[in-house]
């Protein structure tokens, strides 16, 4: 979870000086270098001491360290900007063609950035863990659980035992897992160890279950305790957006790459399995389009 997302979360949840300071920082992130500490204290009707407490709230030793981290984060995103706004890819004046083009561009930009965040070593390691796992359990809140269902289905087609954990039964399921199994936890923020799905992490660690996490960049609870971390494109604000267009595309792409790599580890065998399953289970699927028709 990046610092700008933590600040936004604070703005929405707090009703004291932290909200005022956070709103100012988010609204002026591009020109913070123009303001001194005294300027910001005056403009937010606070004090230097309050600004220091604000920095310490985010686990920085002081205001200087906090501002250094925040301005460098802003610079990083500016250097790698998207042509389409991640949070508001179209406005109320956009026509249908503009909406189509912007969403298409946003998805392509997201996939490109997600690819750049991938480590070949981590993908290979994660795929090997999944390939050797006796049982794979996928944890995630809606809509992440929907992406987990599709990933589960793909794994099932090559005879890998995979399940999506029910929120209410996740604790019981976690207790049954061992080091021979694997957990995939999908969470954009990856914080709050007391909420689902992060509250299962301690159980999984006690049972020595390998944890593959799919989460946003920056620091968070989930990242600290995972065997492998796969990074989601993390440009979206937590609240101020039309939809999770970029996040959803990024998560689906990561899961698709994981499945493709697992498939490739036993390519010939998995291809035979897929075709055999289709012959048995999809005999009623027919098409009049010759380019995609097949005779089994």
Protein backbone atom coordinates (compact mmCIF):
# COMPACT_ATOMS: atom_id res chain seq x y z
CA UNK A 1 0.00 0.00 0.00
CA UNK A 2 1.59 3.24 -1.11
CA UNK A 3 1.83 6.29 1.12
CA UNK A 4 -0.68 8.30 -0.93
CA UNK A 5 -3.23 5.51 -0.40
CA UNK A 6 -2.56 5.47 3.34
CA UNK A 7 -3.09 9.23 3.43
CA UNK A 8 -6.34 8.92 1.49
CA UNK A 9 -7.53 6.22 3.88
CA UNK A 10 -6.76 8.52 6.80
CA UNK A 11 -8.69 11.39 5.18
CA UNK A 12 -11.77 9.20 4.90
CA UNK A 13 -11.57 7.69 8.37
CA UNK A 14 -10.31 10.49 10.62
CA UNK A 15 -12.11 13.67 11.69
CA UNK A 16 -9.30 15.68 13.21
CA UNK A 17 -6.21 17.56 12.01
CA UNK A 18 -5.05 14.43 10.16
CA UNK A 19 -7.90 14.87 7.69
CA UNK A 20 -7.06 18.54 7.07
CA UNK A 21 -3.36 17.85 6.55
CA UNK A 22 -4.05 14.80 4.38
CA UNK A 23 -6.46 16.71 2.15
CA UNK A 24 -3.89 19.46 1.64
CA UNK A 25 -1.12 17.00 0.74
CA UNK A 26 -3.27 15.08 -1.72
CA UNK A 27 -4.57 18.25 -3.37
CA UNK A 28 -1.10 19.78 -3.73
CA UNK A 29 1.08 16.71 -4.22
CA UNK A 30 2.57 18.05 -7.47
CA UNK A 31 3.90 21.26 -5.90
CA UNK A 32 4.76 20.38 -2.31
CA UNK A 33 8.36 21.40 -2.90
CA UNK A 34 7.12 25.00 -3.05
CA UNK A 35 5.92 24.90 0.57
CA UNK A 36 7.95 24.99 3.77
CA UNK A 37 6.83 23.24 6.93
CA UNK A 38 5.73 26.62 8.26
CA UNK A 39 3.66 27.25 5.11
CA UNK A 40 1.83 23.94 5.39
CA UNK A 41 1.14 24.44 9.10
CA UNK A 42 -0.31 27.88 8.38
CA UNK A 43 -2.39 26.76 5.38
CA UNK A 44 -3.84 23.79 7.28
CA UNK A 45 -4.42 25.85 10.46
CA UNK A 46 -2.25 23.48 12.45
CA UNK A 47 1.26 23.66 13.92
CA UNK A 48 4.71 22.18 13.34
CA UNK A 49 4.17 19.83 16.26
CA UNK A 50 0.93 18.59 14.68
CA UNK A 51 2.73 17.97 11.38
CA UNK A 52 5.37 15.93 13.20
CA UNK A 53 2.63 13.86 14.88
CA UNK A 54 1.05 13.37 11.46
CA UNK A 55 4.35 12.00 10.12
CA UNK A 56 4.78 9.71 13.12
CA UNK A 57 1.24 8.39 12.57
CA UNK A 58 2.63 6.88 9.35
CA UNK A 59 5.70 5.53 11.18
CA UNK A 60 8.17 8.20 10.07
CA UNK A 61 10.60 9.69 12.57
CA UNK A 62 9.67 13.25 11.63
CA UNK A 63 8.20 15.61 9.06
CA UNK A 64 11.37 15.81 6.96
CA UNK A 65 11.54 12.03 6.52
CA UNK A 66 7.83 11.86 5.75
CA UNK A 67 8.02 14.56 3.08
CA UNK A 68 11.08 12.96 1.51
CA UNK A 69 9.22 9.65 1.14
CA UNK A 70 6.02 11.25 -0.15
CA UNK A 71 7.63 13.56 -2.72
CA UNK A 72 9.81 10.74 -4.05
CA UNK A 73 6.74 8.54 -4.40
CA UNK A 74 4.98 11.31 -6.36
CA UNK A 75 8.05 11.70 -8.59
CA UNK A 76 8.09 7.96 -9.29
CA UNK A 77 4.47 7.99 -10.48
CA UNK A 78 5.04 11.11 -12.55
CA UNK A 79 8.01 9.51 -14.31
CA UNK A 80 5.87 6.50 -15.20
CA UNK A 81 2.57 8.23 -15.92
CA UNK A 82 -0.43 6.67 -17.63
CA UNK A 83 -1.93 8.41 -20.65
CA UNK A 84 -5.40 7.63 -19.28
CA UNK A 85 -6.42 8.58 -15.74
CA UNK A 86 -6.58 5.35 -13.73
CA UNK A 87 -9.32 6.58 -11.43
CA UNK A 88 -11.45 8.59 -13.86
CA UNK A 89 -10.70 7.29 -17.38
CA UNK A 90 -13.64 9.23 -18.86
CA UNK A 91 -15.83 12.15 -17.85
CA UNK A 92 -19.52 12.98 -18.21
CA UNK A 93 -18.94 14.45 -21.69
CA UNK A 94 -17.32 11.31 -23.13
CA UNK A 95 -19.09 9.62 -26.02
CA UNK A 96 -19.21 5.86 -26.56
CA UNK A 97 -16.12 5.74 -28.79
CA UNK A 98 -14.04 7.71 -26.28
CA UNK A 99 -15.11 5.39 -23.46
CA UNK A 100 -14.17 2.33 -25.54
CA UNK A 101 -10.77 3.75 -26.48
CA UNK A 102 -9.90 4.96 -22.99
CA UNK A 103 -10.82 1.72 -21.25
CA UNK A 104 -8.90 -0.27 -23.88
CA UNK A 105 -5.84 1.95 -23.41
CA UNK A 106 -6.11 1.76 -19.63
CA UNK A 107 -6.16 -2.02 -19.73
CA UNK A 108 -3.15 -2.17 -22.05
CA UNK A 109 -1.24 0.29 -19.86
CA UNK A 110 -2.10 -1.74 -16.78
CA UNK A 111 -0.91 -5.01 -18.32
CA UNK A 112 2.32 -3.36 -19.45
CA UNK A 113 3.02 -1.97 -15.98
CA UNK A 114 2.08 -5.24 -14.28
CA UNK A 115 4.51 -7.06 -16.58
CA UNK A 116 7.27 -4.62 -15.62
CA UNK A 117 6.62 -5.33 -11.92
CA UNK A 118 6.97 -9.09 -12.38
CA UNK A 119 10.09 -10.94 -11.34
CA UNK A 120 10.86 -14.01 -13.44
CA UNK A 121 12.39 -15.63 -10.36
CA UNK A 122 9.23 -15.04 -8.30
CA UNK A 123 6.90 -16.28 -11.05
CA UNK A 124 8.99 -19.44 -11.47
CA UNK A 125 9.12 -20.00 -7.71
CA UNK A 126 5.37 -19.45 -7.30
CA UNK A 127 4.56 -21.78 -10.22
CA UNK A 128 6.75 -24.52 -8.77
CA UNK A 129 5.03 -24.23 -5.39
CA UNK A 130 1.61 -24.43 -7.07
CA UNK A 131 2.68 -27.33 -9.24
CA UNK A 132 3.87 -29.36 -6.25
CA UNK A 133 1.01 -28.41 -3.90
CA UNK A 134 -1.46 -31.12 -2.97
CA UNK A 135 -4.19 -28.53 -2.37
CA UNK A 136 -4.36 -24.85 -3.33
CA UNK A 137 -6.66 -22.52 -1.39
CA UNK A 138 -7.42 -19.05 -2.73
CA UNK A 139 -8.44 -16.30 -0.30
CA UNK A 140 -9.97 -12.97 -1.23
CA UNK A 141 -12.94 -10.70 -0.75
CA UNK A 142 -15.35 -9.89 -3.56
CA UNK A 143 -14.53 -9.12 -6.34
CA UNK A 144 -11.13 -10.80 -5.87
CA UNK A 145 -12.90 -14.05 -5.04
CA UNK A 146 -14.45 -14.00 -8.54
CA UNK A 147 -10.99 -13.88 -10.10
CA UNK A 148 -10.00 -16.67 -7.75
CA UNK A 149 -12.90 -18.78 -9.02
CA UNK A 150 -11.70 -18.44 -12.61
CA UNK A 151 -8.12 -19.30 -11.60
CA UNK A 152 -9.42 -22.30 -9.65
CA UNK A 153 -11.36 -23.49 -12.68
CA UNK A 154 -8.28 -23.26 -14.89
CA UNK A 155 -6.24 -25.27 -12.40
CA UNK A 156 -9.02 -27.85 -12.12
CA UNK A 157 -8.90 -28.41 -15.88
CA UNK A 158 -5.35 -29.76 -15.51
CA UNK A 159 -6.32 -31.83 -12.46
CA UNK A 160 -4.89 -29.51 -9.82
CA UNK A 161 -6.95 -29.47 -6.62
CA UNK A 162 -7.83 -25.84 -6.00
CA UNK A 163 -10.62 -24.18 -4.02
CA UNK A 164 -11.74 -20.66 -3.16
CA UNK A 165 -12.16 -20.26 0.60
CA UNK A 166 -15.57 -19.27 1.87
CA UNK A 167 -15.22 -16.23 4.11
CA UNK A 168 -16.99 -17.87 7.07
CA UNK A 169 -15.16 -21.19 6.72
CA UNK A 170 -11.71 -19.86 5.88
CA UNK A 171 -10.35 -20.35 9.39
CA UNK A 172 -11.40 -24.01 9.47
CA UNK A 173 -9.92 -24.58 6.02
CA UNK A 174 -6.65 -22.90 6.98
CA UNK A 175 -6.31 -25.23 9.96
CA UNK A 176 -6.40 -28.27 7.67
CA UNK A 177 -3.52 -27.12 5.45
CA UNK A 178 0.12 -28.20 5.75
CA UNK A 179 3.49 -27.38 4.21
CA UNK A 180 2.51 -29.65 1.29
CA UNK A 181 -0.31 -27.27 0.34
CA UNK A 182 -0.35 -23.64 -0.81
CA UNK A 183 -2.34 -20.49 -0.05
CA UNK A 184 -2.93 -17.63 -2.48
CA UNK A 185 -4.11 -14.44 -0.79
CA UNK A 186 -5.45 -11.62 -2.97
CA UNK A 187 -5.77 -8.22 -1.28
CA UNK A 188 -5.15 -4.81 -2.80
CA UNK A 189 -4.37 -3.03 0.48
CA UNK A 190 -2.94 -6.06 2.31
CA UNK A 191 -3.46 -4.36 5.66
CA UNK A 192 -5.55 -4.94 8.81
CA UNK A 193 -4.42 -8.28 10.22
CA UNK A 194 -7.76 -8.70 12.01
CA UNK A 195 -9.93 -8.72 8.87
CA UNK A 196 -10.44 -11.30 6.13
CA UNK A 197 -8.38 -12.53 4.37
CA UNK A 198 -5.31 -11.34 6.33
CA UNK A 199 -6.55 -12.84 9.60
CA UNK A 200 -5.73 -16.29 8.18
CA UNK A 201 -2.04 -15.45 7.79
CA UNK A 202 -1.07 -16.44 11.36
CA UNK A 203 -2.80 -19.82 11.03
CA UNK A 204 -1.09 -20.47 7.72
CA UNK A 205 2.30 -19.50 9.12
CA UNK A 206 1.84 -21.79 12.13
CA UNK A 207 1.08 -24.64 9.73
CA UNK A 208 4.09 -23.73 7.55
CA UNK A 209 1.86 -23.23 4.51
CA UNK A 210 3.59 -21.36 1.66
CA UNK A 211 1.80 -18.06 1.02
CA UNK A 212 1.70 -16.43 -2.40
CA UNK A 213 0.30 -12.93 -2.04
CA UNK A 214 -1.07 -10.70 -4.77
CA UNK A 215 -1.12 -7.16 -3.42
CA UNK A 216 -0.34 -3.52 -4.10
CA UNK A 217 3.08 -1.91 -3.92
CA UNK A 218 4.44 -0.20 -0.84
CA UNK A 219 4.49 -1.58 2.68
CA UNK A 220 1.66 -3.67 4.12
CA UNK A 221 1.00 -6.52 6.56
CA UNK A 222 0.48 -9.21 3.93
CA UNK A 223 3.74 -8.42 2.16
CA UNK A 224 5.72 -8.87 5.39
CA UNK A 225 4.61 -12.48 5.95
CA UNK A 226 4.34 -13.94 2.45
CA UNK A 227 6.62 -16.51 0.86
CA UNK A 228 6.32 -14.73 -2.48
CA UNK A 229 4.76 -11.35 -3.32
CA UNK A 230 3.39 -10.58 -6.78
CA UNK A 231 2.78 -6.88 -7.31
CA UNK A 232 -0.48 -5.39 -8.53
CA UNK A 233 -0.38 -2.17 -10.55
CA UNK A 234 -1.16 0.28 -7.75
CA UNK A 235 -2.13 3.64 -9.18
CA UNK A 236 -5.76 3.64 -8.09
CA UNK A 237 -7.04 5.65 -5.18
CA UNK A 238 -8.84 3.66 -2.51
CA UNK A 239 -12.14 5.50 -2.86
CA UNK A 240 -12.27 8.30 -5.44
CA UNK A 241 -12.69 6.37 -8.69
CA UNK A 242 -15.31 5.13 -11.14
CA UNK A 243 -14.40 1.47 -10.67
CA UNK A 244 -11.44 -0.85 -10.05
CA UNK A 245 -10.66 -1.03 -13.78
CA UNK A 246 -6.87 -1.11 -13.41
CA UNK A 247 -6.66 -3.22 -10.26
CA UNK A 248 -8.97 -5.90 -11.62
CA UNK A 249 -7.08 -6.09 -14.90
CA UNK A 250 -3.77 -6.37 -13.06
CA UNK A 251 -4.94 -9.15 -10.73
CA UNK A 252 -6.47 -11.15 -13.58
CA UNK A 253 -3.27 -10.79 -15.60
CA UNK A 254 -1.12 -12.05 -12.70
CA UNK A 255 -3.36 -15.08 -12.21
CA UNK A 256 -3.34 -15.77 -15.96
CA UNK A 257 0.47 -15.70 -16.02
CA UNK A 258 0.61 -18.01 -13.00
CA UNK A 259 -1.72 -20.52 -14.64
CA UNK A 260 0.19 -20.35 -17.94
CA UNK A 261 3.50 -20.99 -16.17
CA UNK A 262 2.07 -23.91 -14.15
CA UNK A 263 0.67 -25.34 -17.39
CA UNK A 264 4.07 -25.02 -19.08
CA UNK A 265 5.84 -27.07 -16.39
CA UNK A 266 4.09 -30.22 -17.67
CA UNK A 267 3.10 -28.89 -21.06
CA UNK A 268 2.52 -32.12 -23.05
CA UNK A 269 0.74 -33.90 -20.22
CA UNK A 270 -1.47 -30.89 -19.46
CA UNK A 271 -2.35 -30.46 -23.12
CA UNK A 272 -3.44 -34.10 -23.32
CA UNK A 273 -5.46 -33.67 -20.14
CA UNK A 274 -7.21 -30.57 -21.45
CA UNK A 275 -8.13 -32.24 -24.73
CA UNK A 276 -9.29 -35.43 -22.98
CA UNK A 277 -11.47 -33.39 -20.62
CA UNK A 278 -12.99 -31.52 -23.55
CA UNK A 279 -13.84 -34.77 -25.31
CA UNK A 280 -15.60 -36.09 -22.23
CA UNK A 281 -17.24 -32.94 -20.90
CA UNK A 282 -17.88 -30.66 -23.90
CA UNK A 283 -19.28 -33.02 -26.52
CA UNK A 284 -22.33 -30.81 -27.08
CA UNK A 285 -20.31 -27.71 -27.96
CA UNK A 286 -20.70 -27.06 -31.67
CA UNK A 287 -20.05 -24.19 -34.08
CA UNK A 288 -20.76 -23.44 -37.70
CA UNK A 289 -17.67 -21.21 -37.87
CA UNK A 290 -15.11 -23.38 -39.66
CA UNK A 291 -12.02 -21.55 -38.33
CA UNK A 292 -12.72 -22.68 -34.75
CA UNK A 293 -14.55 -25.98 -35.35
CA UNK A 294 -12.84 -29.28 -34.46
CA UNK A 295 -13.53 -32.93 -35.06
CA UNK A 296 -12.66 -35.17 -32.13
